[in-house]
Amino acid sequence: LGAAEKTETPQRISARSLPESLPILGLSDIVIFPGAIVPLLVETGPSLKLIDDIVTGDRLFGAVLQRKPEIVEPGPADLHEVGTVTRLAKMVKFPDGTARVLVEGLWRIRIKDYTRPTPYLRATYDLLRDETEDSIELQAMLRNAHKQFEEIAKMSTALTEQVKIAALNTEHPGHFADLIAANLNLSLEDRQKLLETISVRERLQKLLPMLNREQEVLTLSSKIQNDVA
């Protein structure tokens, strides 16, 4: 049995054309940010059914982090309230019954009401827009975050060239904060908090000490390696 692959280039989608409710996929080990493209492994029955159903439709679902990663089929109480409208870009099915999918985060959402538990969760939601401002202070914070990330990018082997280039060319403070949050070495809890932060200024305020910590860790790690050598 070979892998069955489905991949078409999805159309650009407008926030105004989103459906009233979305199927909801609980994630145990990743927070998906708007603008991020990430691979997922789908293994359980309800999740596979969800992916099968949307691949022939609009390919949209809500991706929400689970409160406890060990729960195989999470219910509404097991999921955080804030997640991401996500689009399925590509799916590959494997003979063992699992599927690998590539998905793209589009917008933040806050879950309102779950409408049905089977065959998978579905919910209504509110779209969460970035709260931003055109202030000198925000631009200064962005410049500071850019500078710190450039230093981290020089030392880090975990960051891809694609991410480094994207970060250098992202001038929108909200997009930059999301790009960094998705690629910095952070805990799931920190990532979820950043996803829930609608104010761009607050998001950057939370990110700056995290960037600082990562820079210190990489500097120390580099020093230890040099001392050993």
Protein backbone atom coordinates (compact mmCIF):
# COMPACT_ATOMS: atom_id res chain seq x y z
CA LEU A 1 0.00 0.00 0.00
CA GLY A 2 1.47 3.32 -1.00
CA ALA A 3 0.74 6.60 0.74
CA ALA A 4 -2.34 8.35 -0.58
CA GLU A 5 -1.60 12.03 -0.97
CA LYS A 6 -3.95 14.95 -1.38
CA THR A 7 -2.53 18.37 -2.01
CA GLU A 8 -4.02 21.30 -3.83
CA THR A 9 -3.04 24.93 -3.45
CA PRO A 10 -5.75 26.39 -1.21
CA GLN A 11 -7.39 29.67 -2.15
CA ARG A 12 -6.80 32.76 -0.03
CA ILE A 13 -9.55 32.95 2.54
CA SER A 14 -11.26 35.99 4.00
CA ALA A 15 -12.18 36.16 7.69
CA ARG A 16 -15.65 37.33 6.60
CA SER A 17 -16.25 34.05 4.78
CA LEU A 18 -15.57 31.82 7.79
CA PRO A 19 -18.34 29.38 8.80
CA GLU A 20 -20.31 29.97 12.04
CA SER A 21 -18.95 26.81 13.64
CA LEU A 22 -15.81 24.72 13.17
CA PRO A 23 -14.78 21.13 13.88
CA ILE A 24 -12.34 21.22 16.81
CA LEU A 25 -9.10 19.25 16.96
CA GLY A 26 -7.46 18.93 20.39
CA LEU A 27 -3.65 19.12 20.31
CA SER A 28 -1.53 17.49 23.01
CA ASP A 29 1.92 18.94 22.31
CA ILE A 30 1.75 22.04 20.11
CA VAL A 31 0.25 25.53 20.03
CA ILE A 32 -0.45 26.74 16.50
CA PHE A 33 0.01 30.48 15.93
CA PRO A 34 -1.47 32.54 13.08
CA GLY A 35 0.99 32.45 10.18
CA ALA A 36 2.68 29.22 11.32
CA ILE A 37 2.86 26.17 9.03
CA VAL A 38 3.28 22.98 11.04
CA PRO A 39 3.16 19.20 10.52
CA LEU A 40 0.81 17.11 12.68
CA LEU A 41 0.45 13.38 13.21
CA VAL A 42 -3.21 12.31 13.40
CA GLU A 43 -3.81 8.91 15.02
CA THR A 44 -7.17 8.62 16.80
CA GLY A 45 -10.50 7.70 15.19
CA PRO A 46 -12.42 10.98 15.76
CA SER A 47 -9.44 13.10 14.63
CA LEU A 48 -8.95 11.02 11.48
CA LYS A 49 -12.67 11.32 10.72
CA LEU A 50 -12.43 15.10 11.15
CA ILE A 51 -9.49 15.31 8.72
CA ASP A 52 -11.26 13.05 6.21
CA ASP A 53 -14.40 15.20 6.34
CA ILE A 54 -12.71 18.57 5.87
CA VAL A 55 -10.26 17.54 3.14
CA THR A 56 -13.05 17.55 0.56
CA GLY A 57 -14.63 20.74 1.93
CA ASP A 58 -13.25 24.09 3.08
CA ARG A 59 -10.33 22.39 4.94
CA LEU A 60 -10.86 24.60 8.01
CA PHE A 61 -10.88 23.52 11.65
CA GLY A 62 -10.16 24.94 15.09
CA ALA A 63 -6.86 23.81 16.66
CA VAL A 64 -6.94 24.01 20.46
CA LEU A 65 -4.34 22.95 23.04
CA GLN A 66 -5.41 20.30 25.56
CA ARG A 67 -5.08 21.05 29.27
CA LYS A 68 -3.69 17.53 29.84
CA PRO A 69 -1.67 15.98 27.00
CA GLU A 70 -2.35 12.36 28.03
CA ILE A 71 -6.11 12.49 27.25
CA VAL A 72 -6.66 10.59 23.98
CA GLU A 73 -10.10 11.97 23.10
CA PRO A 74 -10.48 15.33 24.88
CA GLY A 75 -13.91 16.78 25.69
CA PRO A 76 -14.78 20.50 25.95
CA ALA A 77 -13.57 20.71 29.59
CA ASP A 78 -10.17 19.30 28.56
CA LEU A 79 -9.43 22.10 26.09
CA HIS A 80 -8.27 25.71 26.45
CA GLU A 81 -10.71 28.42 25.38
CA VAL A 82 -8.39 30.19 22.93
CA GLY A 83 -7.16 28.42 19.80
CA THR A 84 -6.58 29.03 16.12
CA VAL A 85 -8.59 28.76 12.92
CA THR A 86 -6.38 26.41 10.95
CA ARG A 87 -6.37 25.30 7.31
CA LEU A 88 -5.35 21.86 6.12
CA ALA A 89 -2.77 22.32 3.36
CA LYS A 90 -1.70 18.74 2.73
CA MET A 91 -2.53 15.21 3.90
CA VAL A 92 -0.67 11.94 3.51
CA LYS A 93 -2.31 8.71 4.74
CA PHE A 94 -0.19 5.75 5.82
CA PRO A 95 -0.88 1.98 5.79
CA ASP A 96 -0.92 1.86 9.62
CA GLY A 97 -4.08 4.01 9.59
CA THR A 98 -2.43 7.26 10.70
CA ALA A 99 -2.23 10.47 8.69
CA ARG A 100 0.44 13.14 8.51
CA VAL A 101 -0.95 16.58 7.75
CA LEU A 102 0.54 19.99 7.06
CA VAL A 103 -1.57 22.82 8.43
CA GLU A 104 -1.48 26.62 8.42
CA GLY A 105 -2.63 28.81 11.33
CA LEU A 106 -4.85 31.70 10.21
CA TRP A 107 -6.58 33.58 13.07
CA ARG A 108 -6.98 33.46 16.84
CA ILE A 109 -10.40 32.37 18.10
CA ARG A 110 -12.14 32.10 21.46
CA ILE A 111 -14.43 29.07 21.71
CA LYS A 112 -18.02 29.94 22.67
CA ASP A 113 -20.21 26.82 22.65
CA TYR A 114 -19.59 23.20 21.75
CA THR A 115 -22.50 22.02 19.61
CA ARG A 116 -22.03 18.25 19.37
CA PRO A 117 -19.69 15.62 20.79
CA THR A 118 -19.80 13.06 17.95
CA PRO A 119 -18.23 12.00 15.67
CA TYR A 120 -15.90 14.81 16.77
CA LEU A 121 -16.20 18.12 18.62
CA ARG A 122 -17.66 21.15 16.86
CA ALA A 123 -17.98 24.67 18.28
CA THR A 124 -19.06 28.24 17.64
CA TYR A 125 -16.42 30.89 18.30
CA ASP A 126 -15.46 34.56 18.30
CA LEU A 127 -12.67 35.77 16.03
CA LEU A 128 -9.97 37.58 18.05
CA ARG A 129 -8.30 40.48 16.25
CA ASP A 130 -4.91 41.88 17.26
CA GLU A 131 -5.18 45.02 19.38
CA THR A 132 -2.36 47.17 18.08
CA GLU A 133 -1.27 50.81 18.10
CA ASP A 134 0.97 53.05 16.06
CA SER A 135 3.22 54.27 18.88
CA ILE A 136 6.91 55.03 19.18
CA GLU A 137 7.04 52.75 22.25
CA LEU A 138 5.71 49.76 20.30
CA GLN A 139 8.19 50.39 17.48
CA ALA A 140 11.02 50.57 20.03
CA MET A 141 9.92 47.26 21.58
CA LEU A 142 9.76 45.70 18.10
CA ARG A 143 13.28 46.95 17.30
CA ASN A 144 14.57 45.57 20.60
CA ALA A 145 12.92 42.17 19.96
CA HIS A 146 14.33 42.12 16.40
CA LYS A 147 17.84 42.79 17.71
CA GLN A 148 17.62 40.07 20.36
CA PHE A 149 16.23 37.55 17.90
CA GLU A 150 19.05 38.29 15.44
CA GLU A 151 21.57 37.46 18.19
CA ILE A 152 19.71 34.23 19.02
CA ALA A 153 19.55 33.31 15.31
CA LYS A 154 23.36 33.61 15.04
CA MET A 155 23.88 31.10 17.87
CA SER A 156 20.92 28.73 17.45
CA THR A 157 21.14 25.57 15.38
CA ALA A 158 17.44 24.79 15.95
CA LEU A 159 16.14 27.72 13.86
CA THR A 160 15.81 27.16 10.12
CA GLU A 161 17.13 29.66 7.57
CA GLN A 162 13.52 30.17 6.45
CA VAL A 163 12.50 31.33 9.94
CA LYS A 164 15.56 33.58 10.25
CA ILE A 165 14.81 35.26 6.90
CA ALA A 166 11.09 35.60 7.69
CA ALA A 167 11.90 37.24 11.05
CA LEU A 168 14.30 39.73 9.45
CA ASN A 169 11.62 40.75 6.94
CA THR A 170 8.61 40.95 9.26
CA GLU A 171 7.90 44.55 10.28
CA HIS A 172 4.34 44.03 11.61
CA PRO A 173 4.70 43.81 15.43
CA GLY A 174 1.87 41.26 15.89
CA HIS A 175 3.10 38.98 13.09
CA PHE A 176 6.67 39.21 14.37
CA ALA A 177 5.62 38.32 17.92
CA ASP A 178 3.69 35.28 16.64
CA LEU A 179 6.60 34.14 14.45
CA ILE A 180 8.99 34.31 17.42
CA ALA A 181 6.52 32.66 19.81
CA ALA A 182 6.09 29.76 17.39
CA ASN A 183 9.84 29.22 16.96
CA LEU A 184 11.43 30.13 20.29
CA ASN A 185 12.23 27.31 22.72
CA LEU A 186 9.22 27.91 25.00
CA SER A 187 7.00 25.76 27.20
CA LEU A 188 3.47 24.95 26.01
CA GLU A 189 2.15 27.04 28.90
CA ASP A 190 4.13 30.11 27.74
CA ARG A 191 3.01 29.58 24.15
CA GLN A 192 -0.64 29.30 25.17
CA LYS A 193 -0.35 32.52 27.22
CA LEU A 194 1.10 34.33 24.20
CA LEU A 195 -1.68 32.97 21.98
CA GLU A 196 -4.24 34.32 24.47
CA THR A 197 -2.63 37.79 24.50
CA ILE A 198 -4.59 39.93 22.04
CA SER A 199 -2.73 43.17 22.81
CA VAL A 200 0.38 43.28 20.61
CA ARG A 201 2.16 45.54 23.10
CA GLU A 202 1.51 43.04 25.94
CA ARG A 203 2.59 40.15 23.71
CA LEU A 204 5.93 41.82 23.00
CA GLN A 205 6.30 42.74 26.69
CA LYS A 206 5.91 39.07 27.60
CA LEU A 207 8.23 37.95 24.80
CA LEU A 208 11.17 40.25 25.57
CA PRO A 209 12.22 38.51 28.83
CA MET A 210 11.74 35.13 27.08
CA LEU A 211 14.06 36.26 24.28
CA ASN A 212 16.53 37.50 26.87
CA ARG A 213 16.46 34.14 28.70
CA GLU A 214 16.98 32.20 25.46
CA GLN A 215 19.92 34.44 24.53
CA GLU A 216 21.53 33.88 27.94
CA VAL A 217 21.06 30.09 27.69
CA LEU A 218 22.62 29.98 24.20
CA THR A 219 25.52 32.25 25.26
CA LEU A 220 26.23 30.06 28.31
CA SER A 221 25.94 26.87 26.26
CA SER A 222 28.39 28.26 23.69
CA LYS A 223 30.83 29.28 26.45
CA ILE A 224 30.69 25.80 28.04
CA GLN A 225 31.37 24.16 24.66
CA ASN A 226 34.34 26.47 24.06
CA ASP A 227 35.74 25.79 27.54
CA VAL A 228 35.45 22.02 26.99
CA ALA A 229 37.10 22.30 23.58
